[in-house]
Protein backbone atom coordinates (compact mmCIF):
# COMPACT_ATOMS: atom_id res chain seq x y z
CA UNK A 1 116.72 153.85 113.30
CA UNK A 2 120.27 153.27 114.48
CA UNK A 3 119.82 150.51 117.01
CA UNK A 4 117.83 147.32 117.27
CA UNK A 5 116.29 145.81 120.39
CA UNK A 6 116.37 142.25 119.15
CA UNK A 7 118.67 139.77 117.46
CA UNK A 8 117.48 139.88 113.89
CA UNK A 9 119.73 137.15 112.62
CA UNK A 10 122.72 135.05 113.50
CA UNK A 11 125.16 133.99 110.84
CA UNK A 12 127.61 131.16 111.17
CA UNK A 13 130.40 131.45 108.62
CA UNK A 14 132.30 128.46 107.36
CA UNK A 15 135.88 128.42 106.17
CA UNK A 16 135.11 130.17 102.89
CA UNK A 17 131.50 131.44 103.03
CA UNK A 18 128.54 131.95 105.36
CA UNK A 19 127.02 128.58 106.05
CA UNK A 20 123.61 129.54 107.42
CA UNK A 21 121.34 132.39 108.54
CA UNK A 22 118.86 131.92 111.36
CA UNK A 23 116.47 134.03 113.39
CA UNK A 24 117.12 133.73 117.11
CA UNK A 25 114.38 131.71 118.72
CA UNK A 26 113.85 129.69 115.55
CA UNK A 27 115.98 126.89 116.92
CA UNK A 28 115.46 124.76 120.02
CA UNK A 29 116.29 126.35 123.34
CA UNK A 30 116.25 129.90 121.98
CA UNK A 31 119.94 129.69 121.19
CA UNK A 32 121.70 131.14 118.20
CA UNK A 33 121.35 127.99 116.14
CA UNK A 34 124.00 126.19 114.15
CA UNK A 35 127.44 125.24 115.39
CA UNK A 36 130.58 127.30 115.53
CA UNK A 37 133.56 126.41 113.44
CA UNK A 38 136.83 125.18 114.89
CA UNK A 39 138.43 121.91 115.96
CA UNK A 40 136.28 119.70 118.16
CA UNK A 41 139.19 119.03 120.50
CA UNK A 42 139.35 122.73 121.36
CA UNK A 43 135.91 123.00 122.94
CA UNK A 44 136.89 122.75 126.60
CA UNK A 45 137.15 125.80 128.83
CA UNK A 46 140.87 125.08 129.19
CA UNK A 47 141.32 125.69 125.46
CA UNK A 48 141.83 129.44 125.71
CA UNK A 49 140.92 131.67 122.80
CA UNK A 50 143.76 133.36 120.99
CA UNK A 51 143.38 137.10 121.49
CA UNK A 52 145.13 139.53 119.14
CA UNK A 53 143.94 142.76 120.80
CA UNK A 54 146.17 142.91 123.87
CA UNK A 55 148.20 145.84 122.52
CA UNK A 56 145.23 148.14 121.81
CA UNK A 57 144.49 151.05 124.16
CA UNK A 58 141.76 150.73 126.73
CA UNK A 59 138.49 152.21 125.52
CA UNK A 60 136.68 154.94 127.42
CA UNK A 61 133.29 153.41 128.32
CA UNK A 62 132.38 156.03 130.94
CA UNK A 63 129.41 157.27 128.90
CA UNK A 64 127.52 153.99 129.22
CA UNK A 65 124.69 154.21 131.74
CA UNK A 66 124.43 150.43 131.55
CA UNK A 67 127.61 150.25 133.63
CA UNK A 68 126.22 152.16 136.61
CA UNK A 69 126.90 150.09 139.71
CA UNK A 70 128.97 147.62 137.68
CA UNK A 71 132.27 147.04 139.48
CA UNK A 72 134.01 144.47 137.29
CA UNK A 73 137.05 145.16 135.12
CA UNK A 74 136.16 146.29 131.61
CA UNK A 75 137.56 144.35 128.66
CA UNK A 76 136.96 146.93 125.92
CA UNK A 77 139.77 148.35 123.78
CA UNK A 78 139.52 151.06 121.15
CA UNK A 79 139.47 150.05 117.48
CA UNK A 80 138.80 151.71 114.14
CA UNK A 81 137.62 150.18 110.87
CA UNK A 82 141.23 150.26 109.67
CA UNK A 83 142.33 148.39 112.82
CA UNK A 84 139.69 145.75 112.20
CA UNK A 85 140.85 145.32 108.60
CA UNK A 86 144.47 145.02 109.70
CA UNK A 87 143.65 142.31 112.23
CA UNK A 88 141.56 140.39 109.71
CA UNK A 89 144.28 140.68 107.06
CA UNK A 90 146.72 139.30 109.65
CA UNK A 91 144.39 136.33 110.29
CA UNK A 92 143.68 137.56 113.79
CA UNK A 93 141.22 136.04 116.25
CA UNK A 94 139.23 138.67 118.10
CA UNK A 95 135.84 140.14 119.01
CA UNK A 96 134.63 143.61 118.13
CA UNK A 97 131.50 145.42 119.18
CA UNK A 98 129.90 148.20 117.13
CA UNK A 99 128.02 150.45 119.52
CA UNK A 100 127.64 153.93 121.00
CA UNK A 101 126.94 155.12 124.52
CA UNK A 102 123.62 156.89 123.83
CA UNK A 103 122.12 153.73 122.30
CA UNK A 104 119.70 152.30 124.90
CA UNK A 105 119.94 148.75 123.59
CA UNK A 106 123.75 148.92 123.72
CA UNK A 107 123.48 149.88 127.38
CA UNK A 108 121.25 146.85 127.97
CA UNK A 109 123.78 144.46 126.42
CA UNK A 110 127.11 145.82 127.65
CA UNK A 111 127.30 144.04 131.00
CA UNK A 112 126.48 140.64 129.50
CA UNK A 113 129.14 141.02 126.83
CA UNK A 114 131.76 142.16 129.33
CA UNK A 115 130.90 139.36 131.78
CA UNK A 116 131.60 136.64 129.22
CA UNK A 117 134.67 138.40 127.82
CA UNK A 118 136.07 138.73 131.35
CA UNK A 119 135.38 135.08 132.06
CA UNK A 120 137.16 134.12 128.82
CA UNK A 121 140.06 136.51 129.42
CA UNK A 122 139.51 138.09 125.99
CA UNK A 123 139.53 141.77 125.04
CA UNK A 124 136.64 143.22 123.02
CA UNK A 125 137.37 145.75 120.31
CA UNK A 126 135.07 148.75 120.62
CA UNK A 127 134.02 150.43 117.38
CA UNK A 128 132.42 153.64 118.63
CA UNK A 129 129.92 154.74 116.00
CA UNK A 130 129.62 158.17 117.64
CA UNK A 131 133.28 158.80 118.39
CA UNK A 132 133.02 162.00 116.39
CA UNK A 133 130.21 164.13 117.89
CA UNK A 134 129.31 165.21 114.35
CA UNK A 135 128.37 161.68 113.38
CA UNK A 136 124.58 161.38 113.50
CA UNK A 137 124.38 157.98 111.85
CA UNK A 138 126.35 154.74 112.10
CA UNK A 139 126.90 155.13 108.36
CA UNK A 140 128.98 158.27 108.94
CA UNK A 141 131.86 156.54 110.71
CA UNK A 142 135.30 156.78 109.12
CA UNK A 143 135.83 154.23 106.34
CA UNK A 144 132.21 153.09 106.32
CA UNK A 145 132.46 152.05 102.66
CA UNK A 146 135.33 149.77 103.61
CA UNK A 147 133.27 148.38 106.50
CA UNK A 148 130.46 147.54 104.08
CA UNK A 149 132.89 145.78 101.75
CA UNK A 150 134.17 143.67 104.65
CA UNK A 151 130.83 142.85 106.29
CA UNK A 152 128.30 143.17 103.49
CA UNK A 153 126.71 139.78 104.25
CA UNK A 154 126.05 140.80 107.86
CA UNK A 155 124.34 144.14 107.18
CA UNK A 156 120.69 144.74 106.34
CA UNK A 157 119.19 147.14 103.85
CA UNK A 158 117.51 150.22 105.30
CA UNK A 159 114.51 152.09 103.90
CA UNK A 160 116.79 153.72 101.32
CA UNK A 161 118.14 150.36 100.14
CA UNK A 162 121.52 151.13 101.70
CA UNK A 163 123.50 148.58 103.66
CA UNK A 164 123.14 149.78 107.25
CA UNK A 165 125.11 148.95 110.38
CA UNK A 166 122.53 148.64 113.15
CA UNK A 167 123.82 148.47 116.71
CA UNK A 168 124.57 146.86 119.02
CA UNK A 169 126.28 144.39 116.72
CA UNK A 170 129.00 142.02 117.89
CA UNK A 171 131.31 140.24 115.45
CA UNK A 172 133.39 137.20 116.40
CA UNK A 173 136.42 136.70 114.17
CA UNK A 174 138.58 133.59 113.99
CA UNK A 175 141.73 133.47 111.85
CA UNK A 176 140.57 136.57 109.98
CA UNK A 177 137.02 135.41 109.18
CA UNK A 178 133.66 136.04 110.81
CA UNK A 179 132.45 132.88 112.52
CA UNK A 180 129.52 134.37 114.44
CA UNK A 181 127.46 137.56 114.36
CA UNK A 182 125.13 138.78 117.11
CA UNK A 183 122.92 141.77 116.36
CA UNK A 184 120.74 143.46 118.97
CA UNK A 185 119.99 142.25 122.50
CA UNK A 186 117.25 139.64 122.59
CA UNK A 187 114.28 138.72 120.45
CA UNK A 188 111.01 140.58 121.11
CA UNK A 189 112.55 143.27 123.33
CA UNK A 190 110.32 146.18 122.36
CA UNK A 191 111.54 148.76 124.88
CA UNK A 192 114.65 149.30 126.97
CA UNK A 193 112.42 150.29 129.87
CA UNK A 194 111.31 146.68 129.89
CA UNK A 195 113.15 144.57 132.46
CA UNK A 196 114.63 141.43 130.92
CA UNK A 197 113.09 138.27 132.25
CA UNK A 198 115.40 135.63 133.73
CA UNK A 199 114.75 133.56 130.61
CA UNK A 200 115.76 136.43 128.32
CA UNK A 201 118.86 137.15 130.39
CA UNK A 202 119.98 133.57 129.96
CA UNK A 203 119.13 133.76 126.25
CA UNK A 204 121.48 136.73 125.88
CA UNK A 205 124.24 134.99 127.84
CA UNK A 206 123.90 131.88 125.67
CA UNK A 207 124.08 133.91 122.46
CA UNK A 208 127.22 135.74 123.61
CA UNK A 209 128.86 132.57 124.90
CA UNK A 210 128.11 130.87 121.57
CA UNK A 211 130.12 133.58 119.83
CA UNK A 212 133.15 133.01 122.03
CA UNK A 213 132.84 129.24 121.70
CA UNK A 214 132.88 129.60 117.91
CA UNK A 215 136.34 131.20 118.15
CA UNK A 216 138.01 128.21 119.82
C-alpha cells in the first residue's frame, strides 16, 4: 500500500532527538499529543512563522480531485528531495507534504492543509511521489535513499522490512529539524468514500494546526 487513511503516529522532535511517539487519539481531546518546541513567547498568532520557501515555483495541483469546488488560493510550491535537504542544511523553517494526486487519502486531506497554511501565510513544499509517470511506488522517487537517511525515524517498515514513505505525510521543519510529523488523515478512517464527521474534521484541523504551532 502507498497511502494510509489514518494518522499512525505523531512524533515531536526535540532540539537533538525525537522526544516522543504517540498514536493519535491516545491523548486527551484526540489531538496529536505532546507539545511543540519553540519559545513560549512566540505562541501568539501575531508571531508569524518564518517561511523559507517563498522563492520556489508554484506547484501544479490541478490533478487533485479534492480541490474540486475549492476557490481559495493554493499555498503549494514544488520541491525535490534535494531541495528539502538544502533547506534543512541551511537551518530553514518550512513545511513539506509528500503526496500524489491519485492517492484518495491525499485528496481528503489537501483542503485542510491548505486552509491552515493560507491562514498562517506559509507556503507548503510539495514532494510529488508520482511526478515521474514511471514511478509506481513512493520508494521510486529520485534520491529516495537520501530521503530515508534524513527521515528514517519517521518512516515505518513495510512487509519487506524496508523503510517506506506512506502518504499523505506532512513534515514540519523548524531551524532545519523536524518538530512535528503528521501521517495520514484521521484515525479510523477506513474508506475515502466515508464522509468525515464534524468531530473528525476538527481532529484533522487540530493536528495540522499543531504542526504549524510547533514551528513558531
